[in-house]
N, C-alpha and C. Protein backbone atom coordinates (compact mmCIF):
# COMPACT_ATOMS: atom_id res chain seq x y z
N UNK A 1 261.51 128.77 116.56
CA UNK A 1 262.64 130.47 117.30
C UNK A 1 261.52 131.07 116.96
N UNK A 2 261.69 132.49 118.55
CA UNK A 2 260.90 133.54 118.22
C UNK A 2 262.46 134.19 118.03
N UNK A 3 261.27 135.42 116.76
CA UNK A 3 262.69 136.02 116.12
C UNK A 3 262.99 137.18 117.21
N UNK A 4 263.69 137.88 117.23
CA UNK A 4 264.09 139.28 117.43
C UNK A 4 262.87 140.00 117.59
N UNK A 5 262.44 140.75 117.20
CA UNK A 5 261.33 141.40 116.68
C UNK A 5 260.19 140.98 118.33
N UNK A 6 259.62 139.71 118.21
CA UNK A 6 258.95 138.84 119.11
C UNK A 6 259.49 138.32 120.50
N UNK A 7 260.89 139.16 121.05
CA UNK A 7 261.44 138.83 122.29
C UNK A 7 261.12 139.57 122.92
N UNK A 8 260.57 141.07 122.30
CA UNK A 8 259.93 141.55 123.14
C UNK A 8 258.30 141.48 124.14
N UNK A 9 257.38 140.76 123.18
CA UNK A 9 256.54 140.41 123.06
C UNK A 9 256.44 138.94 124.16
N UNK A 10 257.27 138.32 123.80
CA UNK A 10 258.00 137.16 124.84
C UNK A 10 257.81 137.44 126.39
N UNK A 11 258.98 138.62 126.34
CA UNK A 11 258.66 139.45 128.03
C UNK A 11 257.06 139.42 127.82
N UNK A 12 256.79 140.42 127.28
CA UNK A 12 255.44 141.41 128.16
C UNK A 12 254.53 140.16 128.36
N UNK A 13 254.86 139.07 127.55
CA UNK A 13 253.78 137.70 127.94
C UNK A 13 254.03 136.85 128.65
N UNK A 14 255.02 136.88 129.61
CA UNK A 14 256.17 136.11 130.67
C UNK A 14 255.45 136.70 131.85
N UNK A 15 255.45 138.02 131.57
CA UNK A 15 255.10 138.77 132.51
C UNK A 15 254.12 138.50 133.14
N UNK A 16 253.25 138.79 132.31
CA UNK A 16 251.56 139.23 132.82
C UNK A 16 251.46 137.84 132.83
N UNK A 17 251.96 136.59 132.26
CA UNK A 17 251.55 135.42 132.78
C UNK A 17 252.44 134.61 133.81
N UNK A 18 253.23 135.35 134.49
CA UNK A 18 253.13 135.08 135.66
C UNK A 18 252.78 135.92 137.20
N UNK A 19 251.92 136.65 136.43
CA UNK A 19 251.57 137.96 137.54
C UNK A 19 250.30 137.39 137.55
N UNK A 20 249.41 136.60 136.49
CA UNK A 20 248.30 136.23 136.47
C UNK A 20 248.23 134.47 137.36
N UNK A 21 249.45 133.99 137.22
CA UNK A 21 249.31 132.31 138.09
C UNK A 21 250.00 132.56 139.52
N UNK A 22 250.64 132.12 139.57
CA UNK A 22 251.41 132.48 140.54
C UNK A 22 251.39 132.92 141.74
N UNK A 23 252.02 134.26 141.08
CA UNK A 23 252.53 135.52 141.28
C UNK A 23 250.84 136.28 142.35
N UNK A 24 249.47 135.67 141.62
CA UNK A 24 248.73 136.29 142.11
C UNK A 24 248.25 135.34 142.90
N UNK A 25 248.16 134.05 142.80
CA UNK A 25 247.08 132.85 143.54
C UNK A 25 248.00 132.11 144.23
N UNK A 26 249.35 131.93 144.16
CA UNK A 26 249.39 130.33 144.54
C UNK A 26 249.20 129.35 144.34
N UNK A 27 248.90 128.26 145.33
CA UNK A 27 248.66 126.64 144.54
C UNK A 27 247.28 126.62 144.09
N UNK A 28 246.29 128.06 144.17
CA UNK A 28 245.05 128.25 144.07
C UNK A 28 244.61 128.14 142.94
N UNK A 29 245.72 128.83 142.09
CA UNK A 29 245.70 129.04 140.83
C UNK A 29 245.79 127.52 139.72
N UNK A 30 246.26 126.48 140.34
CA UNK A 30 246.12 125.04 139.56
C UNK A 30 245.23 124.38 139.38
N UNK A 31 245.21 123.95 137.58
CA UNK A 31 244.17 123.31 136.86
C UNK A 31 244.20 121.82 137.39
N UNK A 32 243.68 121.12 136.84
CA UNK A 32 243.51 119.70 137.13
C UNK A 32 244.87 119.30 136.35
N UNK A 33 246.19 119.33 137.22
CA UNK A 33 247.51 118.57 136.90
C UNK A 33 247.75 117.56 135.90
N UNK A 34 248.31 116.83 134.83
CA UNK A 34 248.48 116.38 134.44
C UNK A 34 249.08 115.02 134.51
N UNK A 35 250.39 115.33 135.69
CA UNK A 35 250.98 114.43 135.72
C UNK A 35 250.71 114.21 137.71
N UNK A 36 250.78 113.13 137.96
CA UNK A 36 250.68 113.17 139.91
C UNK A 36 251.26 113.58 140.75
N UNK A 37 250.71 113.89 141.56
CA UNK A 37 251.20 114.92 142.64
C UNK A 37 251.93 116.03 142.23
N UNK A 38 251.49 116.39 141.10
CA UNK A 38 251.82 118.09 140.71
C UNK A 38 250.50 119.30 140.74
N UNK A 39 251.09 120.50 140.60
CA UNK A 39 250.83 121.44 140.64
C UNK A 39 251.14 122.26 139.21
N UNK A 40 249.81 122.27 138.47
CA UNK A 40 250.53 123.03 136.80
C UNK A 40 249.23 124.03 136.64
N UNK A 41 249.90 124.77 136.26
CA UNK A 41 248.89 126.64 136.34
C UNK A 41 249.27 127.01 134.99
N UNK A 42 248.20 127.69 134.15
CA UNK A 42 248.00 127.35 133.38
C UNK A 42 247.92 129.31 132.80
N UNK A 43 248.29 129.39 131.63
CA UNK A 43 247.64 131.08 130.95
C UNK A 43 247.69 131.35 130.10
N UNK A 44 246.79 132.00 129.10
CA UNK A 44 246.73 132.09 127.17
C UNK A 44 246.45 133.10 127.34
N UNK A 45 247.45 134.01 125.95
CA UNK A 45 246.74 135.08 125.69
C UNK A 45 246.64 135.31 124.00
N UNK A 46 245.80 134.65 123.02
CA UNK A 46 245.63 134.80 121.49
C UNK A 46 246.25 133.75 121.54
N UNK A 47 247.83 133.61 120.53
CA UNK A 47 248.65 132.18 120.23
C UNK A 47 249.48 131.66 120.96
N UNK A 48 249.67 132.48 122.52
CA UNK A 48 250.59 132.34 123.78
C UNK A 48 249.86 131.57 124.62
N UNK A 49 250.69 130.35 125.10
CA UNK A 49 250.62 129.86 125.99
C UNK A 49 251.78 129.25 126.89
N UNK A 50 251.22 129.52 127.92
CA UNK A 50 252.15 129.54 129.64
C UNK A 50 251.73 128.55 130.00
N UNK A 51 252.72 127.17 130.79
CA UNK A 51 252.22 126.28 131.12
C UNK A 51 253.62 126.68 132.25
N UNK A 52 253.38 126.00 133.80
CA UNK A 52 254.15 125.53 134.79
C UNK A 52 254.23 124.85 135.82
N UNK A 53 254.59 124.00 135.99
CA UNK A 53 254.50 122.59 136.65
C UNK A 53 255.40 122.41 137.11
N UNK A 54 255.02 122.18 138.60
CA UNK A 54 255.68 121.90 139.93
C UNK A 54 255.10 120.77 140.64
N UNK A 55 256.39 120.32 141.23
CA UNK A 55 255.96 118.87 142.54
C UNK A 55 256.30 119.30 144.19
N UNK A 56 255.87 119.53 144.96
CA UNK A 56 256.96 119.80 146.37
C UNK A 56 256.12 121.25 146.88
N UNK A 57 256.90 121.42 148.22
CA UNK A 57 255.84 122.22 148.51
C UNK A 57 257.38 123.32 149.25
N UNK A 58 257.60 122.02 150.76
CA UNK A 58 258.54 123.14 151.18
C UNK A 58 260.12 123.06 150.14
N UNK A 59 260.42 122.47 149.63
CA UNK A 59 261.50 121.78 148.84
C UNK A 59 260.58 121.90 147.19
N UNK A 60 260.84 122.55 146.32
CA UNK A 60 259.78 122.14 144.80
C UNK A 60 261.00 122.39 143.87
N UNK A 61 260.54 121.58 142.85
CA UNK A 61 261.68 121.55 141.48
C UNK A 61 260.26 121.90 140.81
N UNK A 62 260.01 122.58 139.37
CA UNK A 62 259.54 122.36 138.39
C UNK A 62 259.98 123.15 136.93
N UNK A 63 258.85 123.25 135.90
CA UNK A 63 259.01 123.96 134.87
C UNK A 63 258.11 124.45 134.19
N UNK A 64 258.77 126.01 133.98
CA UNK A 64 257.59 126.78 132.97
C UNK A 64 258.07 126.48 131.01
N UNK A 65 256.53 126.30 130.13
CA UNK A 65 256.93 126.22 129.41
C UNK A 65 255.98 127.54 128.86
N UNK A 66 256.46 127.88 127.66
CA UNK A 66 255.57 128.89 126.79
C UNK A 66 256.08 128.54 125.10
N UNK A 67 254.86 128.38 124.44
CA UNK A 67 254.17 127.55 123.81
C UNK A 67 254.16 128.89 122.21
N UNK A 68 254.13 129.42 121.54
CA UNK A 68 253.78 129.68 120.40
C UNK A 68 253.20 129.17 119.23
N UNK A 69 251.53 129.51 118.93
CA UNK A 69 250.90 129.25 117.65
C UNK A 69 251.23 126.73 118.04
N UNK A 70 250.84 126.41 119.13
CA UNK A 70 251.14 125.44 120.10
C UNK A 70 252.39 124.37 119.51
N UNK A 71 253.79 125.62 119.73
CA UNK A 71 255.08 124.92 119.21
C UNK A 71 255.22 125.53 120.72
N UNK A 72 256.11 124.75 121.58
CA UNK A 72 256.70 125.53 122.27
C UNK A 72 257.94 126.46 121.57
N UNK A 73 258.57 127.57 122.68
CA UNK A 73 259.36 128.90 121.78
C UNK A 73 260.20 129.01 123.65
N UNK A 74 260.00 128.72 124.56
CA UNK A 74 261.28 129.42 126.06
C UNK A 74 260.51 127.95 126.91
N UNK A 75 261.54 127.80 127.51
CA UNK A 75 261.25 127.47 128.87
C UNK A 75 262.17 127.48 129.45
N UNK A 76 261.69 127.40 130.90
CA UNK A 76 262.77 127.79 132.27
C UNK A 76 262.46 126.82 133.51
N UNK A 77 263.29 126.32 134.11
CA UNK A 77 263.24 125.25 135.49
C UNK A 77 264.54 126.00 136.59
N UNK A 78 263.82 125.47 137.24
CA UNK A 78 263.94 125.47 139.37
C UNK A 78 263.83 124.87 139.82
N UNK A 79 264.61 124.96 140.64
CA UNK A 79 264.49 123.42 142.15
C UNK A 79 264.52 124.84 143.53
N UNK A 80 264.28 124.75 144.38
CA UNK A 80 264.33 125.66 145.90
C UNK A 80 263.73 125.67 146.76
N UNK A 81 263.53 125.89 147.50
CA UNK A 81 262.59 126.17 148.55
C UNK A 81 263.22 126.74 150.39
N UNK A 82 262.28 126.01 151.03
CA UNK A 82 262.39 126.88 152.70
C UNK A 82 263.56 126.36 153.07
N UNK A 83 264.30 127.02 153.88
CA UNK A 83 265.28 125.99 154.40
C UNK A 83 265.43 126.46 155.69
N UNK A 84 265.89 124.73 156.26
CA UNK A 84 265.67 124.98 157.60
C UNK A 84 265.72 126.19 158.93
N UNK A 85 265.69 126.46 160.12
CA UNK A 85 264.60 125.09 160.39
C UNK A 85 263.33 125.24 159.77
N UNK A 86 262.43 126.48 159.20
CA UNK A 86 261.94 127.39 159.14
C UNK A 86 260.85 125.70 158.43
N UNK A 87 261.40 124.93 157.37
CA UNK A 87 260.62 123.99 156.79
C UNK A 87 259.58 123.11 158.18
N UNK A 88 260.05 123.18 159.10
CA UNK A 88 258.99 122.46 160.05
C UNK A 88 257.72 123.49 160.95
N UNK A 89 257.91 124.68 160.19
CA UNK A 89 257.07 125.58 160.80
C UNK A 89 255.97 126.08 159.57
N UNK A 90 254.78 125.54 159.50
CA UNK A 90 253.67 126.06 158.53
C UNK A 90 253.35 127.17 158.24
N UNK A 91 253.53 127.46 159.51
CA UNK A 91 253.34 129.38 159.20
C UNK A 91 253.53 130.14 158.99
N UNK A 92 255.26 129.65 159.25
CA UNK A 92 256.34 130.61 158.71
C UNK A 92 256.60 130.21 157.32
N UNK A 93 256.20 128.90 156.60
CA UNK A 93 255.92 128.72 155.48
C UNK A 93 255.43 129.67 154.72
N UNK A 94 254.08 129.30 155.60
CA UNK A 94 253.09 129.85 155.17
C UNK A 94 253.46 131.90 154.54
N UNK A 95 253.72 132.65 155.51
CA UNK A 95 254.21 133.25 155.44
C UNK A 95 255.43 133.82 154.26
N UNK A 96 256.54 132.67 154.63
CA UNK A 96 257.51 133.07 153.31
C UNK A 96 257.23 132.95 151.95
N UNK A 97 256.31 131.67 151.55
CA UNK A 97 255.12 132.04 150.39
C UNK A 97 254.91 133.44 149.91
N UNK A 98 253.95 133.89 150.87
CA UNK A 98 252.73 134.90 150.56
C UNK A 98 253.70 135.88 150.52
N UNK A 99 254.87 136.50 151.18
CA UNK A 99 256.27 137.25 151.20
C UNK A 99 256.36 137.37 149.43
N UNK A 100 257.29 135.73 148.84
CA UNK A 100 257.67 135.67 148.07
C UNK A 100 256.75 135.65 146.47
N UNK A 101 255.22 135.59 147.15
CA UNK A 101 254.41 136.32 145.87
C UNK A 101 254.38 137.70 145.49
N UNK A 102 254.44 138.04 146.43
CA UNK A 102 254.15 139.41 146.78
C UNK A 102 255.90 139.73 145.83
N UNK A 103 256.93 139.25 145.74
CA UNK A 103 258.06 139.26 145.01
C UNK A 103 257.94 139.69 143.80
N UNK A 104 257.31 138.41 143.23
CA UNK A 104 257.07 137.64 141.72
C UNK A 104 256.16 138.32 141.17
N UNK A 105 255.19 138.99 142.04
CA UNK A 105 254.60 140.39 140.92
C UNK A 105 255.15 141.44 140.78
N UNK A 106 256.35 141.44 141.30
CA UNK A 106 257.10 142.51 140.81
C UNK A 106 258.07 142.56 139.53
N UNK A 107 257.96 141.20 138.95
CA UNK A 107 258.63 140.68 137.67
C UNK A 107 258.24 142.04 136.90
N UNK A 108 259.81 141.95 135.83
CA UNK A 108 259.65 143.46 134.96
C UNK A 108 260.19 142.41 133.85
N UNK A 109 259.91 143.34 132.15
CA UNK A 109 260.14 142.71 130.99
C UNK A 109 261.70 142.86 130.67
N UNK A 110 262.23 143.31 131.51
CA UNK A 110 264.28 143.07 131.37
C UNK A 110 264.42 142.26 131.87
N UNK A 111 263.63 141.88 132.66
CA UNK A 111 264.01 140.25 133.25
C UNK A 111 262.63 139.81 133.72
N UNK A 112 262.26 139.10 132.88
CA UNK A 112 260.91 138.28 132.76
C UNK A 112 261.39 136.26 133.67
N UNK A 113 261.83 137.27 134.39
CA UNK A 113 262.75 135.47 135.15
C UNK A 113 261.69 135.16 136.21
N UNK A 114 262.28 135.73 137.35
CA UNK A 114 261.62 135.65 138.62
C UNK A 114 261.12 136.85 139.45
N UNK A 115 261.67 137.35 140.31
CA UNK A 115 261.31 138.70 140.88
C UNK A 115 262.07 140.33 140.84
N UNK A 116 262.07 141.41 141.56
CA UNK A 116 263.00 142.18 141.14
C UNK A 116 263.94 141.68 141.93
N UNK A 117 265.24 142.67 141.16
CA UNK A 117 267.39 142.57 141.82
C UNK A 117 266.72 142.92 143.21
N UNK A 118 265.40 143.33 144.18
CA UNK A 118 265.75 143.61 145.57
C UNK A 118 264.55 144.74 145.84
N UNK A 119 264.11 143.53 147.11
CA UNK A 119 262.25 143.87 147.50
C UNK A 119 262.50 143.53 148.87
N UNK A 120 261.64 144.49 149.47
CA UNK A 120 262.03 144.34 150.74
C UNK A 120 260.77 144.22 151.72
N UNK A 121 260.24 144.25 152.86
CA UNK A 121 258.71 144.28 153.14
C UNK A 121 258.82 143.64 154.49
N UNK A 122 258.52 144.19 155.73
CA UNK A 122 259.02 143.89 157.16
C UNK A 122 260.08 143.87 157.52
N UNK A 123 260.61 142.11 157.92
CA UNK A 123 261.75 141.97 157.96
C UNK A 123 261.85 140.35 157.09
N UNK A 124 261.47 140.85 156.06
CA UNK A 124 261.92 140.19 155.12
C UNK A 124 262.32 140.61 153.90
N UNK A 125 263.79 140.12 153.21
CA UNK A 125 264.09 140.94 152.20
C UNK A 125 264.45 139.77 150.24
N UNK A 126 264.23 139.88 149.88
CA UNK A 126 263.93 139.11 148.50
C UNK A 126 265.15 139.85 147.41
N UNK A 127 265.84 138.59 146.99
CA UNK A 127 266.72 139.08 146.28
C UNK A 127 267.25 138.01 145.03
N UNK A 128 267.43 138.36 143.98
CA UNK A 128 267.28 137.60 142.65
C UNK A 128 268.83 138.54 141.92
N UNK A 129 269.51 137.16 141.54
CA UNK A 129 270.42 137.59 140.29
C UNK A 129 270.61 137.04 139.51
N UNK A 130 270.62 137.21 138.42
CA UNK A 130 270.70 136.62 137.36
C UNK A 130 271.56 136.98 136.10
N UNK A 131 271.81 136.04 135.52
CA UNK A 131 272.77 136.50 134.22
C UNK A 131 272.37 136.46 132.86
N UNK A 132 272.21 137.01 131.72
CA UNK A 132 271.73 136.91 130.14
C UNK A 132 270.12 137.71 130.02
N UNK A 133 269.74 136.89 129.24
CA UNK A 133 268.65 137.55 128.54
C UNK A 133 267.33 136.23 128.32
N UNK A 134 266.66 136.86 128.36
CA UNK A 134 265.33 136.24 128.15
C UNK A 134 265.29 135.07 127.16
N UNK A 135 266.17 135.45 126.35
CA UNK A 135 266.89 134.16 125.40
C UNK A 135 268.06 133.15 125.43
N UNK A 136 268.70 132.95 126.74
CA UNK A 136 269.14 132.48 126.99
C UNK A 136 269.73 132.79 128.86
N UNK A 137 269.39 132.49 129.93
CA UNK A 137 269.81 132.77 131.38
C UNK A 137 270.02 131.54 132.50
N UNK A 138 270.39 132.00 133.21
CA UNK A 138 270.23 131.49 134.97
C UNK A 138 270.14 132.60 135.89
N UNK A 139 270.17 131.94 137.42
CA UNK A 139 270.06 132.68 138.51
C UNK A 139 269.68 131.98 139.05
N UNK A 140 269.51 132.94 141.12
CA UNK A 140 269.24 132.60 142.23
C UNK A 140 268.32 133.70 142.65
N UNK A 141 267.05 132.72 143.65
CA UNK A 141 266.78 134.60 144.49
C UNK A 141 267.15 133.57 145.62
N UNK A 142 267.01 134.73 147.18
CA UNK A 142 267.08 133.96 148.00
C UNK A 142 266.30 135.09 148.37
N UNK A 143 265.52 134.51 150.64
CA UNK A 143 264.61 135.54 150.71
C UNK A 143 265.14 135.27 152.32
N UNK A 144 265.45 136.63 152.63
CA UNK A 144 266.71 136.81 153.76
C UNK A 144 265.43 136.93 155.06
N UNK A 145 265.45 137.40 155.74
CA UNK A 145 264.53 137.58 157.27
C UNK A 145 265.81 137.61 158.28
N UNK A 146 265.98 139.19 158.66
CA UNK A 146 267.55 139.39 159.86
C UNK A 146 269.18 138.59 159.20
N UNK A 147 269.25 139.01 157.91
CA UNK A 147 270.72 138.48 157.46
C UNK A 147 270.36 137.17 157.28
N UNK A 148 269.42 136.59 157.71
CA UNK A 148 269.90 135.38 157.89
C UNK A 148 269.21 134.38 156.47
N UNK A 149 269.63 133.53 155.66
CA UNK A 149 268.68 132.74 154.02
C UNK A 149 267.57 131.74 154.96
N UNK A 150 266.13 132.37 154.72
CA UNK A 150 264.78 131.63 154.95
C UNK A 150 264.96 130.60 153.50
N UNK A 151 264.64 130.84 152.34
CA UNK A 151 264.31 129.84 151.16
C UNK A 151 265.55 130.92 150.03
N UNK A 152 265.60 129.97 149.13
CA UNK A 152 266.65 129.93 147.74
C UNK A 152 266.33 129.18 146.84
N UNK A 153 266.31 129.33 145.85
CA UNK A 153 265.76 129.00 144.28
C UNK A 153 266.83 129.39 143.47
N UNK A 154 267.29 128.02 142.89
CA UNK A 154 267.95 128.58 141.15
C UNK A 154 267.11 128.07 140.47
N UNK A 155 267.67 128.83 138.88
CA UNK A 155 266.99 128.66 137.72
C UNK A 155 268.02 128.99 136.51
N UNK A 156 266.96 128.45 135.16
CA UNK A 156 268.28 128.36 133.84
C UNK A 156 267.12 128.70 133.07
N UNK A 157 267.15 128.58 131.75
CA UNK A 157 266.56 129.17 131.01
C UNK A 157 266.58 129.42 129.42
N UNK A 158 265.70 129.73 129.24
CA UNK A 158 266.20 130.62 126.70
C UNK A 158 265.05 129.93 125.90
N UNK A 159 265.36 130.48 125.07
CA UNK A 159 264.79 129.82 123.71
C UNK A 159 264.95 128.37 123.44
N UNK A 160 264.08 127.29 123.33
CA UNK A 160 263.79 126.25 122.65
C UNK A 160 264.37 127.25 120.96
N UNK A 161 264.89 125.93 120.46
CA UNK A 161 264.84 125.97 118.67
C UNK A 161 265.06 124.45 118.16
């Protein structure tokens, strides 16, 4: 288990790993996946290791795991995606995910789960609501366009003992 002094280091590592993988590069950050039909993103810093494995595009499910010294210490699972009718428009799906990655790059150490509480650009607004700390948490994120939800995701996780 990660002891209390390491929670700050865990949060800092998570922020860096998230900013260097999906938030920065999207699917282009994927390494050869261990599971068929999945995307797998990885990042390491010393004895800290981050892996994000997910399935799907418009609707997707995944899990992030952080290991320290080759031992899993933290995990987060998530499920969500683009809402109808946007799912049928590839250009619109792409715009939503470009905006999502911009929001996710704003992740902070106090809440290193997804993005900031609120982020806006143009006609899109990102909102994240979470309960808990890096030790144990759950939350939701959404993207709205002109007051209508275009994307939604639920997540939960915490320390592994």
